[in-house]
Amino acid sequence: MYLKKVLWATAILGLFICGFIAYQIYSAIFTPNTEFNNQEAFVYIPSDATFSEVKTMIQPLLKNVGTFEAVAKRKGYTTNIKAGKYVLKKGMNNNEIVNSLRSNNIPVKVVFNNQESLEDLAGRIAQQIEADSISLLNAFNDKAFLQEQGFDINTKLGMYIPNTYEFYWNTTADSFRDRMLKEYKNYWNEDRLKKAKAMGLNPAQAISLASIVQKETVKVDERPRVAGVYLNRIKRGMLLQADPTVIYAIKKKTGNYDTIIKRVLNRDLEIDSPYNTYKYKGIPPGPIAMPDISSVEAVLNPEKHDYLFFVADVSNFGYHLFAKTLAQHNRNKTQYIRWLNAQNVMR
């Protein structure tokens, strides 16, 4: 009888211990384990990160990092870390957290627009994906890539079409560049190539001209008219005489692209540079800045008119006065010169 009682007591104790262990396992796996007030928290896991680094990274977001580690080991996550951007939602349990970190790499929106140079673009992109600015710039300037794809030192900026794109955060520099090449080719579809060809332009020339339009006016609705002026001048064999190209030539010559020039002087028009459209005919050898899509579309779909000149309209800032003759243009120009002098803008 005594032995029977012992056996029953042992069995009950065993069941109790097994139940306690099962409860502990269940709690470790399925009890909510987040420690943040927002509905979501984002985790950015770098390439080649170790589990120890991941654990340190998310520890402030968890109530109990020990139970998380235990579940991560059971699910094989500790030896299978994946880089990327991951979301943890308030109230997630360890099982859900590990599943999210293992298989729910979510994309980020990458935005860039009107960067002045590839250096600026690399810096902008490095703020949005894992790749650093140096690796991005090296990828942008890869000579073999540029030669293979038909770009050169002057035209390479034109490959990057400003827009909002989705990328995985852990995208490499080369992968980013290659995706931008794909987007460039997608943009230059048969219809756009046909429009450019009808005006005697190839994509590189259209983008270079669009960059001038971009710099001439901030008003999107005015860009087709400005583009029409330059295309009219090209048809007539006239110099483009675009002040932004002179400013770019000065910056390129000095190497100081942060220089602010509000007024182009007569002596500036003598600078010897293929970007000086007061001295050299035709479209410059490359873009003077990164034009956005509205400027490129303005070149491909210009306003039809007979204007050959334009100057800033001081009575309607941001817009311009357009003229068909030099005499009319000179009259329009007088009001602008007077305004510059009144504002004491000498450079």
Protein backbone atom coordinates (compact mmCIF):
# COMPACT_ATOMS: atom_id res chain seq x y z
CA MET A 1 0.00 0.00 0.00
CA TYR A 2 2.82 2.36 0.94
CA LEU A 3 4.63 1.64 -2.35
CA LYS A 4 1.45 2.33 -4.24
CA LYS A 5 1.10 5.73 -2.59
CA VAL A 6 4.70 6.55 -3.41
CA LEU A 7 4.16 5.61 -7.03
CA TRP A 8 1.03 7.76 -7.22
CA ALA A 9 2.79 10.67 -5.59
CA THR A 10 5.73 10.31 -7.97
CA ALA A 11 3.40 10.17 -10.96
CA ILE A 12 1.51 13.24 -9.83
CA LEU A 13 4.76 15.09 -9.18
CA GLY A 14 6.02 14.05 -12.62
CA LEU A 15 2.84 15.30 -14.23
CA PHE A 16 3.14 18.54 -12.32
CA ILE A 17 6.75 19.00 -13.42
CA CYS A 18 5.90 18.14 -17.04
CA GLY A 19 2.98 20.54 -16.92
CA PHE A 20 5.17 23.26 -15.47
CA ILE A 21 7.79 22.71 -18.18
CA ALA A 22 5.13 22.67 -20.87
CA TYR A 23 3.69 25.89 -19.48
CA GLN A 24 7.13 27.48 -19.46
CA ILE A 25 7.73 26.42 -23.07
CA TYR A 26 4.29 27.62 -24.10
CA SER A 27 4.81 30.94 -22.34
CA ALA A 28 8.23 31.40 -23.91
CA ILE A 29 6.80 30.81 -27.36
CA PHE A 30 3.32 32.34 -27.26
CA THR A 31 3.27 35.01 -24.53
CA PRO A 32 3.51 38.60 -25.89
CA ASN A 33 7.09 39.80 -25.53
CA THR A 34 7.27 43.34 -26.88
CA GLU A 35 8.27 46.35 -24.79
CA PHE A 36 7.37 49.43 -26.85
CA ASN A 37 4.35 51.72 -26.91
CA ASN A 38 4.02 52.35 -30.64
CA GLN A 39 2.06 49.94 -32.80
CA GLU A 40 5.22 49.02 -34.73
CA ALA A 41 8.99 49.10 -34.29
CA PHE A 42 11.45 48.65 -37.13
CA VAL A 43 14.70 46.71 -36.96
CA TYR A 44 17.50 47.16 -39.50
CA ILE A 45 19.79 44.13 -39.57
CA PRO A 46 23.09 44.72 -41.41
CA SER A 47 24.66 42.21 -43.77
CA ASP A 48 26.90 39.67 -41.97
CA ALA A 49 25.32 40.48 -38.60
CA THR A 50 25.66 37.80 -35.91
CA PHE A 51 22.87 36.64 -33.64
CA SER A 52 24.62 38.31 -30.73
CA GLU A 53 24.45 41.62 -32.60
CA VAL A 54 20.79 41.08 -33.48
CA LYS A 55 20.00 40.26 -29.84
CA THR A 56 21.72 43.44 -28.65
CA MET A 57 19.88 45.43 -31.29
CA ILE A 58 16.37 44.29 -30.35
CA GLN A 59 16.85 43.89 -26.60
CA PRO A 60 15.34 47.34 -25.84
CA LEU A 61 12.22 46.25 -27.74
CA LEU A 62 11.65 43.05 -25.74
CA LYS A 63 10.37 42.28 -22.25
CA ASN A 64 12.47 39.15 -21.96
CA VAL A 65 15.43 38.67 -24.28
CA GLY A 66 16.20 35.27 -22.72
CA THR A 67 12.96 33.65 -23.87
CA PHE A 68 13.45 35.21 -27.31
CA GLU A 69 16.91 33.64 -27.54
CA ALA A 70 15.55 30.25 -26.48
CA VAL A 71 12.86 30.29 -29.18
CA ALA A 72 15.33 31.59 -31.77
CA LYS A 73 17.62 28.63 -31.07
CA ARG A 74 14.76 26.10 -31.31
CA LYS A 75 13.68 27.57 -34.67
CA GLY A 76 17.23 27.65 -36.07
CA TYR A 77 17.32 31.43 -36.43
CA THR A 78 20.57 31.93 -34.51
CA THR A 79 22.55 30.38 -37.39
CA ASN A 80 20.45 31.81 -40.20
CA ILE A 81 20.48 35.61 -39.79
CA LYS A 82 19.18 37.57 -42.77
CA ALA A 83 19.90 41.23 -43.44
CA GLY A 84 17.11 43.69 -44.10
CA LYS A 85 14.41 45.88 -42.60
CA TYR A 86 11.95 44.07 -40.37
CA VAL A 87 8.86 45.13 -38.48
CA LEU A 88 7.90 44.08 -34.96
CA LYS A 89 4.29 44.71 -34.03
CA LYS A 90 3.11 45.51 -30.54
CA GLY A 91 1.99 42.35 -28.70
CA MET A 92 3.97 39.91 -30.84
CA ASN A 93 5.11 36.72 -29.14
CA ASN A 94 8.56 35.19 -29.60
CA ASN A 95 7.37 32.80 -32.27
CA GLU A 96 5.96 35.67 -34.31
CA ILE A 97 9.05 37.81 -33.71
CA VAL A 98 11.40 35.10 -34.96
CA ASN A 99 9.17 34.37 -37.95
CA SER A 100 9.14 38.07 -38.86
CA LEU A 101 12.93 38.40 -38.55
CA ARG A 102 13.42 35.25 -40.57
CA SER A 103 11.17 35.81 -43.54
CA ASN A 104 9.55 39.25 -43.61
CA ASN A 105 12.18 41.59 -45.08
CA ILE A 106 10.09 44.62 -46.06
CA PRO A 107 11.05 47.16 -48.76
CA VAL A 108 11.89 50.79 -48.13
CA LYS A 109 10.93 53.74 -50.32
CA VAL A 110 14.00 55.33 -51.88
CA VAL A 111 13.51 58.90 -53.09
CA PHE A 112 15.91 61.17 -54.94
CA ASN A 113 15.42 64.27 -57.03
CA ASN A 114 17.56 67.03 -58.54
CA GLN A 115 20.90 65.94 -57.12
CA GLU A 116 23.64 68.10 -58.64
CA SER A 117 26.21 65.33 -59.04
CA LEU A 118 26.82 61.62 -58.55
CA GLU A 119 28.54 62.47 -55.27
CA ASP A 120 25.34 64.13 -54.07
CA LEU A 121 23.29 61.18 -55.31
CA ALA A 122 25.51 58.67 -53.50
CA GLY A 123 25.13 60.64 -50.27
CA ARG A 124 21.36 60.81 -50.67
CA ILE A 125 20.95 57.09 -51.37
CA ALA A 126 23.30 56.10 -48.53
CA GLN A 127 20.83 57.73 -46.14
CA GLN A 128 18.11 55.33 -47.31
CA ILE A 129 19.73 51.91 -47.85
CA GLU A 130 22.55 49.95 -46.23
CA ALA A 131 25.17 50.64 -48.92
CA ASP A 132 27.49 53.51 -47.97
CA SER A 133 28.23 56.50 -50.18
CA ILE A 134 31.74 55.33 -51.11
CA SER A 135 30.58 51.93 -52.39
CA LEU A 136 27.71 53.61 -54.25
CA LEU A 137 30.02 56.15 -55.87
CA ASN A 138 32.44 53.40 -56.90
CA ALA A 139 29.56 51.52 -58.53
CA PHE A 140 28.33 54.68 -60.29
CA ASN A 141 31.81 55.39 -61.68
CA ASP A 142 32.74 51.84 -62.67
CA LYS A 143 34.47 52.36 -66.03
CA ALA A 144 33.69 48.91 -67.40
CA PHE A 145 30.01 49.33 -66.58
CA LEU A 146 29.81 52.81 -68.11
CA GLN A 147 31.55 51.75 -71.29
CA GLU A 148 29.40 48.65 -71.66
CA GLN A 149 26.19 50.64 -71.23
CA GLY A 150 27.20 53.54 -73.48
CA PHE A 151 27.74 56.23 -70.83
CA ASP A 152 30.78 58.41 -70.28
CA ILE A 153 32.12 60.85 -67.70
CA ASN A 154 29.76 63.57 -68.95
CA THR A 155 26.54 61.59 -69.45
CA LYS A 156 26.64 59.16 -66.50
CA LEU A 157 24.44 61.31 -64.22
CA GLY A 158 21.67 61.10 -66.81
CA MET A 159 21.18 57.37 -66.16
CA TYR A 160 19.40 58.09 -62.87
CA ILE A 161 15.74 58.99 -63.36
CA PRO A 162 14.44 60.82 -60.25
CA ASN A 163 11.43 59.14 -58.72
CA THR A 164 10.28 57.11 -55.73
CA TYR A 165 11.39 53.48 -55.86
CA GLU A 166 11.05 50.45 -53.63
CA PHE A 167 14.23 48.63 -52.60
CA TYR A 168 15.16 46.21 -49.89
CA TRP A 169 17.17 48.10 -47.29
CA ASN A 170 20.10 45.67 -47.66
CA THR A 171 20.43 46.32 -51.42
CA THR A 172 24.08 46.47 -52.48
CA ALA A 173 25.61 49.40 -54.36
CA ASP A 174 25.94 47.41 -57.58
CA SER A 175 22.37 46.16 -57.31
CA PHE A 176 21.09 49.70 -56.82
CA ARG A 177 23.00 50.91 -59.89
CA ASP A 178 21.80 47.97 -61.98
CA ARG A 179 18.19 48.60 -60.99
CA MET A 180 18.57 52.25 -62.01
CA LEU A 181 19.85 51.13 -65.42
CA LYS A 182 16.73 48.97 -65.78
CA GLU A 183 14.50 51.92 -64.81
CA TYR A 184 16.36 54.13 -67.32
CA LYS A 185 15.73 51.62 -70.12
CA ASN A 186 12.10 51.26 -69.09
CA TYR A 187 11.67 55.03 -69.17
CA TRP A 188 13.16 55.32 -72.63
CA ASN A 189 10.46 53.25 -74.26
CA GLU A 190 9.68 53.21 -77.97
CA ASP A 191 7.34 56.21 -77.76
CA ARG A 192 9.85 58.47 -76.00
CA LEU A 193 12.70 57.37 -78.25
CA LYS A 194 10.54 58.21 -81.26
CA LYS A 195 9.74 61.68 -79.91
CA ALA A 196 13.40 62.41 -79.19
CA LYS A 197 14.47 61.19 -82.62
CA ALA A 198 11.86 63.41 -84.30
CA MET A 199 13.63 66.40 -82.74
CA GLY A 200 17.07 65.12 -83.69
CA LEU A 201 17.93 64.11 -80.14
CA ASN A 202 19.13 60.94 -78.48
CA PRO A 203 18.26 60.20 -74.82
CA ALA A 204 21.53 61.66 -73.50
CA GLN A 205 20.96 64.92 -75.40
CA ALA A 206 17.34 65.11 -74.29
CA ILE A 207 18.38 64.71 -70.65
CA SER A 208 21.15 67.32 -71.02
CA LEU A 209 18.68 69.79 -72.49
CA ALA A 210 16.15 68.90 -69.78
CA SER A 211 18.74 69.74 -67.13
CA ILE A 212 18.99 73.27 -68.57
CA VAL A 213 15.20 73.60 -68.56
CA GLN A 214 15.21 72.38 -64.95
CA LYS A 215 17.68 75.07 -63.93
CA GLU A 216 15.92 77.83 -65.85
CA THR A 217 12.52 77.52 -64.23
CA VAL A 218 11.10 76.00 -61.06
CA LYS A 219 7.61 76.24 -62.50
CA VAL A 220 6.58 72.88 -63.89
CA ASP A 221 3.84 74.42 -66.03
CA GLU A 222 6.37 76.73 -67.69
CA ARG A 223 8.91 74.07 -68.60
CA PRO A 224 7.35 73.02 -71.93
CA ARG A 225 7.50 76.66 -73.05
CA VAL A 226 11.15 77.05 -72.01
CA ALA A 227 12.00 73.76 -73.74
CA GLY A 228 10.29 75.11 -76.86
CA VAL A 229 12.55 78.17 -76.84
CA TYR A 230 15.72 76.09 -76.80
CA LEU A 231 14.46 73.72 -79.46
CA ASN A 232 13.57 76.71 -81.65
CA ARG A 233 17.11 78.04 -81.23
CA ILE A 234 18.60 74.67 -82.10
CA LYS A 235 16.50 74.46 -85.27
CA ARG A 236 17.76 77.88 -86.34
CA GLY A 237 21.37 77.07 -85.58
CA MET A 238 21.52 79.66 -82.81
CA LEU A 239 23.57 79.43 -79.63
CA LEU A 240 21.49 78.28 -76.66
CA GLN A 241 22.93 81.11 -74.51
CA ALA A 242 21.69 79.56 -71.29
CA ASP A 243 23.02 81.22 -68.12
CA PRO A 244 22.81 77.99 -66.05
CA THR A 245 25.34 76.35 -68.36
CA VAL A 246 27.79 79.20 -67.75
CA ILE A 247 27.32 78.86 -64.00
CA TYR A 248 27.95 75.12 -64.29
CA ALA A 249 31.09 75.76 -66.38
CA ILE A 250 32.42 78.08 -63.67
CA LYS A 251 31.73 75.52 -60.95
CA LYS A 252 33.28 72.72 -62.98
CA LYS A 253 36.41 74.78 -63.68
CA THR A 254 36.89 75.81 -60.04
CA GLY A 255 35.80 72.46 -58.63
CA ASN A 256 33.57 74.27 -56.14
CA TYR A 257 30.04 73.10 -56.83
CA ASP A 258 28.70 74.85 -53.73
CA THR A 259 29.39 78.28 -55.22
CA ILE A 260 26.27 80.47 -55.33
CA ILE A 261 26.07 82.65 -58.43
CA LYS A 262 22.96 84.80 -58.75
CA ARG A 263 24.13 86.97 -61.63
CA VAL A 264 26.12 86.00 -64.71
CA LEU A 265 28.55 88.74 -65.74
CA ASN A 266 29.85 89.53 -69.24
CA ARG A 267 33.29 88.23 -68.34
CA ASP A 268 31.76 84.88 -67.38
CA LEU A 269 30.55 84.42 -70.94
CA GLU A 270 34.15 84.08 -72.09
CA ILE A 271 34.95 80.98 -70.06
CA ASP A 272 36.31 78.30 -72.38
CA SER A 273 34.21 75.24 -71.66
CA PRO A 274 32.04 72.94 -73.81
CA TYR A 275 29.32 73.72 -71.25
CA ASN A 276 29.41 77.44 -72.09
CA THR A 277 26.49 77.72 -74.47
CA TYR A 278 27.35 81.37 -75.18
CA LYS A 279 30.55 80.16 -76.83
CA TYR A 280 29.74 76.69 -78.17
CA LYS A 281 26.74 75.70 -80.29
CA GLY A 282 24.47 72.82 -79.55
CA ILE A 283 23.62 70.91 -76.41
CA PRO A 284 26.34 70.51 -73.75
CA PRO A 285 28.08 67.10 -73.56
CA GLY A 286 26.20 66.12 -70.43
CA PRO A 287 23.55 67.27 -67.94
CA ILE A 288 24.42 70.24 -65.73
CA ALA A 289 22.22 68.76 -62.99
CA MET A 290 19.76 65.92 -62.55
CA PRO A 291 16.51 66.87 -64.30
CA ASP A 292 13.30 65.48 -62.93
CA ILE A 293 10.75 63.72 -65.09
CA SER A 294 8.71 66.89 -65.69
CA SER A 295 11.72 68.56 -67.34
CA VAL A 296 12.48 65.56 -69.54
CA GLU A 297 8.82 65.35 -70.55
CA ALA A 298 8.88 69.07 -71.33
CA VAL A 299 11.70 68.47 -73.81
CA LEU A 300 9.88 65.53 -75.37
CA ASN A 301 6.55 67.39 -75.45
CA PRO A 302 7.52 71.06 -75.91
CA GLU A 303 5.08 73.90 -76.35
CA LYS A 304 4.82 74.91 -80.01
CA HIS A 305 5.54 78.62 -80.44
CA ASP A 306 7.90 81.12 -82.10
CA TYR A 307 9.67 82.41 -78.99
CA LEU A 308 13.45 82.63 -79.12
CA PHE A 309 14.20 84.56 -75.91
CA PHE A 310 13.08 84.77 -72.31
CA VAL A 311 14.06 86.58 -69.13
CA ALA A 312 12.86 86.51 -65.53
CA ASP A 313 9.61 88.35 -64.89
CA VAL A 314 10.13 90.46 -61.75
CA SER A 315 6.41 91.18 -61.54
CA ASN A 316 5.62 87.47 -61.32
CA PHE A 317 8.55 85.77 -59.61
CA GLY A 318 9.34 82.26 -60.76
CA TYR A 319 7.98 82.91 -64.25
CA HIS A 320 9.51 84.53 -67.33
CA LEU A 321 8.74 87.00 -70.08
CA PHE A 322 9.08 85.50 -73.55
CA ALA A 323 9.95 87.26 -76.79
CA LYS A 324 10.06 86.44 -80.49
CA THR A 325 12.53 89.19 -81.42
CA LEU A 326 15.77 90.47 -79.92
CA ALA A 327 14.35 94.01 -79.71
CA GLN A 328 11.41 92.80 -77.65
CA HIS A 329 13.71 90.68 -75.51
CA ASN A 330 15.98 93.64 -74.78
CA ARG A 331 12.98 95.65 -73.58
CA ASN A 332 11.98 92.76 -71.31
CA LYS A 333 15.53 92.40 -70.10
CA THR A 334 15.68 96.04 -68.98
CA GLN A 335 13.19 95.45 -66.16
CA TYR A 336 15.22 92.50 -64.92
CA ILE A 337 18.54 94.40 -64.95
CA ARG A 338 16.95 97.28 -63.06
CA TRP A 339 15.61 94.89 -60.46
CA LEU A 340 19.03 93.21 -60.01
CA ASN A 341 20.67 96.60 -59.55
CA ALA A 342 18.00 97.73 -57.11
CA GLN A 343 18.56 94.56 -55.08
CA ASN A 344 22.32 95.13 -55.26
CA VAL A 345 22.87 91.70 -56.78
CA MET A 346 26.37 91.93 -58.20
CA ARG A 347 27.25 88.23 -58.38
